[in-house]
C-alpha cells in the first residue's frame, strides 16, 4: 500500500476506458494522478463515466 501512495500516474486521453482505469487507481490509493486530455467535455460524454 505504501508504494501505491507514493506512486505518480499520468493518464493520457481519458475516455470511458481511461475513466474506469482512473477510478480504480484512485480507489487503490495512488498518491498522485495527472490527467492530460485535449478534448472538450460534451453533453454526450456525461453518460460514459461511472
PDB file of N, CA and C in Angstrom:
ATOM      1  N   UNK A   1       0.822  -1.192   0.000  1.00  0.00           N
ATOM      2  CA  UNK A   1       0.000   0.000   0.000  1.00  0.00           C
ATOM      3  C   UNK A   1       0.869   1.261   0.000  1.00  0.00           C
ATOM      4  N   UNK A   2       1.974   1.227   0.719  1.00  0.00           N
ATOM      5  CA  UNK A   2       2.853   2.399   0.782  1.00  0.00           C
ATOM      6  C   UNK A   2       3.401   2.755  -0.595  1.00  0.00           C
ATOM      7  N   UNK A   3       3.710   1.747  -1.406  1.00  0.00           N
ATOM      8  CA  UNK A   3       4.222   2.004  -2.756  1.00  0.00           C
ATOM      9  C   UNK A   3       3.166   2.699  -3.611  1.00  0.00           C
ATOM     10  N   UNK A   4       1.906   2.298  -3.478  1.00  0.00           N
ATOM     11  CA  UNK A   4       0.825   2.949  -4.224  1.00  0.00           C
ATOM     12  C   UNK A   4       0.658   4.401  -3.798  1.00  0.00           C
ATOM     13  N   UNK A   5       0.739   4.659  -2.514  1.00  0.00           N
ATOM     14  CA  UNK A   5       0.571   6.016  -2.012  1.00  0.00           C
ATOM     15  C   UNK A   5       1.684   6.945  -2.484  1.00  0.00           C
ATOM     16  N   UNK A   6       2.845   6.401  -2.804  1.00  0.00           N
ATOM     17  CA  UNK A   6       3.971   7.197  -3.291  1.00  0.00           C
ATOM     18  C   UNK A   6       4.037   7.248  -4.816  1.00  0.00           C
ATOM     19  N   UNK A   7       3.191   6.488  -5.502  1.00  0.00           N
ATOM     20  CA  UNK A   7       3.224   6.409  -6.961  1.00  0.00           C
ATOM     21  C   UNK A   7       2.636   7.667  -7.595  1.00  0.00           C
ATOM     22  N   UNK A   8       3.168   8.018  -8.780  1.00  0.00           N
ATOM     23  CA  UNK A   8       2.642   9.110  -9.596  1.00  0.00           C
ATOM     24  C   UNK A   8       2.241   8.533 -10.941  1.00  0.00           C
ATOM     25  N   UNK A   9       1.027   8.816 -11.381  1.00  0.00           N
ATOM     26  CA  UNK A   9       0.483   8.274 -12.624  1.00  0.00           C
ATOM     27  C   UNK A   9       0.108   9.429 -13.542  1.00  0.00           C
ATOM     28  N   UNK A  10       0.374   9.281 -14.842  1.00  0.00           N
ATOM     29  CA  UNK A  10      -0.079  10.237 -15.851  1.00  0.00           C
ATOM     30  C   UNK A  10      -1.004   9.487 -16.802  1.00  0.00           C
ATOM     31  N   UNK A  11      -2.249   9.922 -16.893  1.00  0.00           N
ATOM     32  CA  UNK A  11      -3.242   9.291 -17.763  1.00  0.00           C
ATOM     33  C   UNK A  11      -3.446  10.167 -18.991  1.00  0.00           C
ATOM     34  N   UNK A  12      -3.220   9.605 -20.182  1.00  0.00           N
ATOM     35  CA  UNK A  12      -3.360  10.338 -21.434  1.00  0.00           C
ATOM     36  C   UNK A  12      -4.659   9.964 -22.125  1.00  0.00           C
ATOM     37  N   UNK A  13      -5.367  10.965 -22.653  1.00  0.00           N
ATOM     38  CA  UNK A  13      -6.612  10.762 -23.397  1.00  0.00           C
ATOM     39  C   UNK A  13      -7.638   9.973 -22.595  1.00  0.00           C
ATOM     40  N   UNK A  14      -8.257  10.633 -21.675  1.00  0.00           N
ATOM     41  CA  UNK A  14      -9.148   9.999 -20.706  1.00  0.00           C
ATOM     42  C   UNK A  14     -10.567   9.848 -21.258  1.00  0.00           C
ATOM     43  N   UNK A  15     -10.813   8.781 -22.015  1.00  0.00           N
ATOM     44  CA  UNK A  15     -12.150   8.452 -22.484  1.00  0.00           C
ATOM     45  C   UNK A  15     -12.835   7.545 -21.481  1.00  0.00           C
ATOM     46  N   UNK A  16     -13.873   6.833 -21.908  1.00  0.00           N
ATOM     47  CA  UNK A  16     -14.587   5.935 -20.987  1.00  0.00           C
ATOM     48  C   UNK A  16     -13.690   4.873 -20.352  1.00  0.00           C
ATOM     49  N   UNK A  17     -12.805   4.276 -21.125  1.00  0.00           N
ATOM     50  CA  UNK A  17     -11.908   3.255 -20.574  1.00  0.00           C
ATOM     51  C   UNK A  17     -10.907   3.880 -19.610  1.00  0.00           C
ATOM     52  N   UNK A  18     -10.370   5.030 -19.977  1.00  0.00           N
ATOM     53  CA  UNK A  18      -9.442   5.723 -19.101  1.00  0.00           C
ATOM     54  C   UNK A  18     -10.093   6.172 -17.805  1.00  0.00           C
ATOM     55  N   UNK A  19     -11.356   6.582 -17.879  1.00  0.00           N
ATOM     56  CA  UNK A  19     -12.079   6.992 -16.669  1.00  0.00           C
ATOM     57  C   UNK A  19     -12.259   5.830 -15.713  1.00  0.00           C
ATOM     58  N   UNK A  20     -12.543   4.673 -16.250  1.00  0.00           N
ATOM     59  CA  UNK A  20     -12.692   3.483 -15.404  1.00  0.00           C
ATOM     60  C   UNK A  20     -11.354   3.112 -14.770  1.00  0.00           C
ATOM     61  N   UNK A  21     -10.290   3.182 -15.554  1.00  0.00           N
ATOM     62  CA  UNK A  21      -8.957   2.909 -15.010  1.00  0.00           C
ATOM     63  C   UNK A  21      -8.607   3.927 -13.929  1.00  0.00           C
ATOM     64  N   UNK A  22      -8.938   5.194 -14.175  1.00  0.00           N
ATOM     65  CA  UNK A  22      -8.679   6.248 -13.198  1.00  0.00           C
ATOM     66  C   UNK A  22      -9.422   5.984 -11.895  1.00  0.00           C
ATOM     67  N   UNK A  23     -10.678   5.596 -11.991  1.00  0.00           N
ATOM     68  CA  UNK A  23     -11.461   5.282 -10.792  1.00  0.00           C
ATOM     69  C   UNK A  23     -10.777   4.187  -9.984  1.00  0.00           C
ATOM     70  N   UNK A  24     -10.312   3.149 -10.660  1.00  0.00           N
ATOM     71  CA  UNK A  24      -9.659   2.038  -9.964  1.00  0.00           C
ATOM     72  C   UNK A  24      -8.332   2.459  -9.336  1.00  0.00           C
ATOM     73  N   UNK A  25      -7.604   3.351  -9.993  1.00  0.00           N
ATOM     74  CA  UNK A  25      -6.355   3.854  -9.419  1.00  0.00           C
ATOM     75  C   UNK A  25      -6.618   4.684  -8.164  1.00  0.00           C
ATOM     76  N   UNK A  26      -7.645   5.525  -8.215  1.00  0.00           N
ATOM     77  CA  UNK A  26      -7.996   6.344  -7.051  1.00  0.00           C
ATOM     78  C   UNK A  26      -8.425   5.458  -5.893  1.00  0.00           C
ATOM     79  N   UNK A  27      -9.289   4.491  -6.173  1.00  0.00           N
ATOM     80  CA  UNK A  27      -9.755   3.589  -5.119  1.00  0.00           C
ATOM     81  C   UNK A  27      -8.622   2.729  -4.570  1.00  0.00           C
ATOM     82  N   UNK A  28      -7.624   2.467  -5.405  1.00  0.00           N
ATOM     83  CA  UNK A  28      -6.469   1.684  -4.966  1.00  0.00           C
ATOM     84  C   UNK A  28      -5.500   2.468  -4.099  1.00  0.00           C
ATOM     85  N   UNK A  29      -5.632   3.791  -4.083  1.00  0.00           N
ATOM     86  CA  UNK A  29      -4.808   4.603  -3.206  1.00  0.00           C
ATOM     87  C   UNK A  29      -3.599   5.250  -3.842  1.00  0.00           C
ATOM     88  N   UNK A  30      -3.584   5.392  -5.183  1.00  0.00           N
ATOM     89  CA  UNK A  30      -2.456   6.043  -5.847  1.00  0.00           C
ATOM     90  C   UNK A  30      -2.333   7.475  -5.333  1.00  0.00           C
ATOM     91  N   UNK A  31      -1.108   7.888  -5.032  1.00  0.00           N
ATOM     92  CA  UNK A  31      -0.873   9.173  -4.389  1.00  0.00           C
ATOM     93  C   UNK A  31      -1.061  10.390  -5.266  1.00  0.00           C
ATOM     94  N   UNK A  32      -0.674  10.314  -6.548  1.00  0.00           N
ATOM     95  CA  UNK A  32      -0.725  11.487  -7.411  1.00  0.00           C
ATOM     96  C   UNK A  32      -1.118  11.067  -8.821  1.00  0.00           C
ATOM     97  N   UNK A  33      -2.113  11.764  -9.385  1.00  0.00           N
ATOM     98  CA  UNK A  33      -2.577  11.458 -10.742  1.00  0.00           C
ATOM     99  C   UNK A  33      -2.650  12.755 -11.536  1.00  0.00           C
ATOM    100  N   UNK A  34      -2.079  12.727 -12.754  1.00  0.00           N
ATOM    101  CA  UNK A  34      -2.176  13.843 -13.686  1.00  0.00           C
ATOM    102  C   UNK A  34      -2.943  13.345 -14.905  1.00  0.00           C
ATOM    103  N   UNK A  35      -3.949  14.108 -15.333  1.00  0.00           N
ATOM    104  CA  UNK A  35      -4.755  13.740 -16.498  1.00  0.00           C
ATOM    105  C   UNK A  35      -4.457  14.732 -17.615  1.00  0.00           C
ATOM    106  N   UNK A  36      -4.108  14.205 -18.801  1.00  0.00           N
ATOM    107  CA  UNK A  36      -3.838  15.037 -19.969  1.00  0.00           C
ATOM    108  C   UNK A  36      -4.804  14.613 -21.067  1.00  0.00           C
ATOM    109  N   UNK A  37      -5.710  15.523 -21.448  1.00  0.00           N
ATOM    110  CA  UNK A  37      -6.702  15.223 -22.479  1.00  0.00           C
ATOM    111  C   UNK A  37      -7.088  16.528 -23.156  1.00  0.00           C
ATOM    112  N   UNK A  38      -6.871  16.610 -24.447  1.00  0.00           N
ATOM    113  CA  UNK A  38      -7.169  17.831 -25.185  1.00  0.00           C
ATOM    114  C   UNK A  38      -8.616  17.977 -25.605  1.00  0.00           C
ATOM    115  N   UNK A  39      -9.432  16.962 -25.386  1.00  0.00           N
ATOM    116  CA  UNK A  39     -10.833  17.015 -25.800  1.00  0.00           C
ATOM    117  C   UNK A  39     -11.664  17.843 -24.838  1.00  0.00           C
ATOM    118  N   UNK A  40     -12.699  18.486 -25.376  1.00  0.00           N
ATOM    119  CA  UNK A  40     -13.654  19.201 -24.542  1.00  0.00           C
ATOM    120  C   UNK A  40     -14.742  18.231 -24.108  1.00  0.00           C
ATOM    121  N   UNK A  41     -15.226  18.398 -22.897  1.00  0.00           N
ATOM    122  CA  UNK A  41     -16.325  17.567 -22.412  1.00  0.00           C
ATOM    123  C   UNK A  41     -17.610  18.066 -23.061  1.00  0.00           C
ATOM    124  N   UNK A  42     -18.344  17.146 -23.680  1.00  0.00           N
ATOM    125  CA  UNK A  42     -19.611  17.488 -24.312  1.00  0.00           C
ATOM    126  C   UNK A  42     -20.734  16.757 -23.606  1.00  0.00           C
ATOM    127  N   UNK A  43     -21.952  17.199 -23.812  1.00  0.00           N
ATOM    128  CA  UNK A  43     -23.111  16.639 -23.127  1.00  0.00           C
ATOM    129  C   UNK A  43     -23.196  15.125 -23.297  1.00  0.00           C
ATOM    130  N   UNK A  44     -22.918  14.608 -24.478  1.00  0.00           N
ATOM    131  CA  UNK A  44     -22.976  13.172 -24.732  1.00  0.00           C
ATOM    132  C   UNK A  44     -21.936  12.367 -23.971  1.00  0.00           C
ATOM    133  N   UNK A  45     -20.889  13.023 -23.501  1.00  0.00           N
ATOM    134  CA  UNK A  45     -19.835  12.340 -22.751  1.00  0.00           C
ATOM    135  C   UNK A  45     -20.240  12.023 -21.318  1.00  0.00           C
ATOM    136  N   UNK A  46     -21.197  12.748 -20.790  1.00  0.00           N
ATOM    137  CA  UNK A  46     -21.526  12.630 -19.371  1.00  0.00           C
ATOM    138  C   UNK A  46     -22.036  11.247 -18.987  1.00  0.00           C
ATOM    139  N   UNK A  47     -22.686  10.539 -19.883  1.00  0.00           N
ATOM    140  CA  UNK A  47     -23.190   9.200 -19.585  1.00  0.00           C
ATOM    141  C   UNK A  47     -22.148   8.107 -19.723  1.00  0.00           C
ATOM    142  N   UNK A  48     -20.964   8.435 -20.187  1.00  0.00           N
ATOM    143  CA  UNK A  48     -19.928   7.428 -20.422  1.00  0.00           C
ATOM    144  C   UNK A  48     -19.145   7.047 -19.179  1.00  0.00           C
ATOM    145  N   UNK A  49     -19.269   7.805 -18.135  1.00  0.00           N
ATOM    146  CA  UNK A  49     -18.431   7.594 -16.958  1.00  0.00           C
ATOM    147  C   UNK A  49     -19.265   7.182 -15.759  1.00  0.00           C
ATOM    148  N   UNK A  50     -18.868   6.057 -15.156  1.00  0.00           N
ATOM    149  CA  UNK A  50     -19.485   5.529 -13.949  1.00  0.00           C
ATOM    150  C   UNK A  50     -20.933   5.229 -14.193  1.00  0.00           C
TER     151      UNK A  50
END
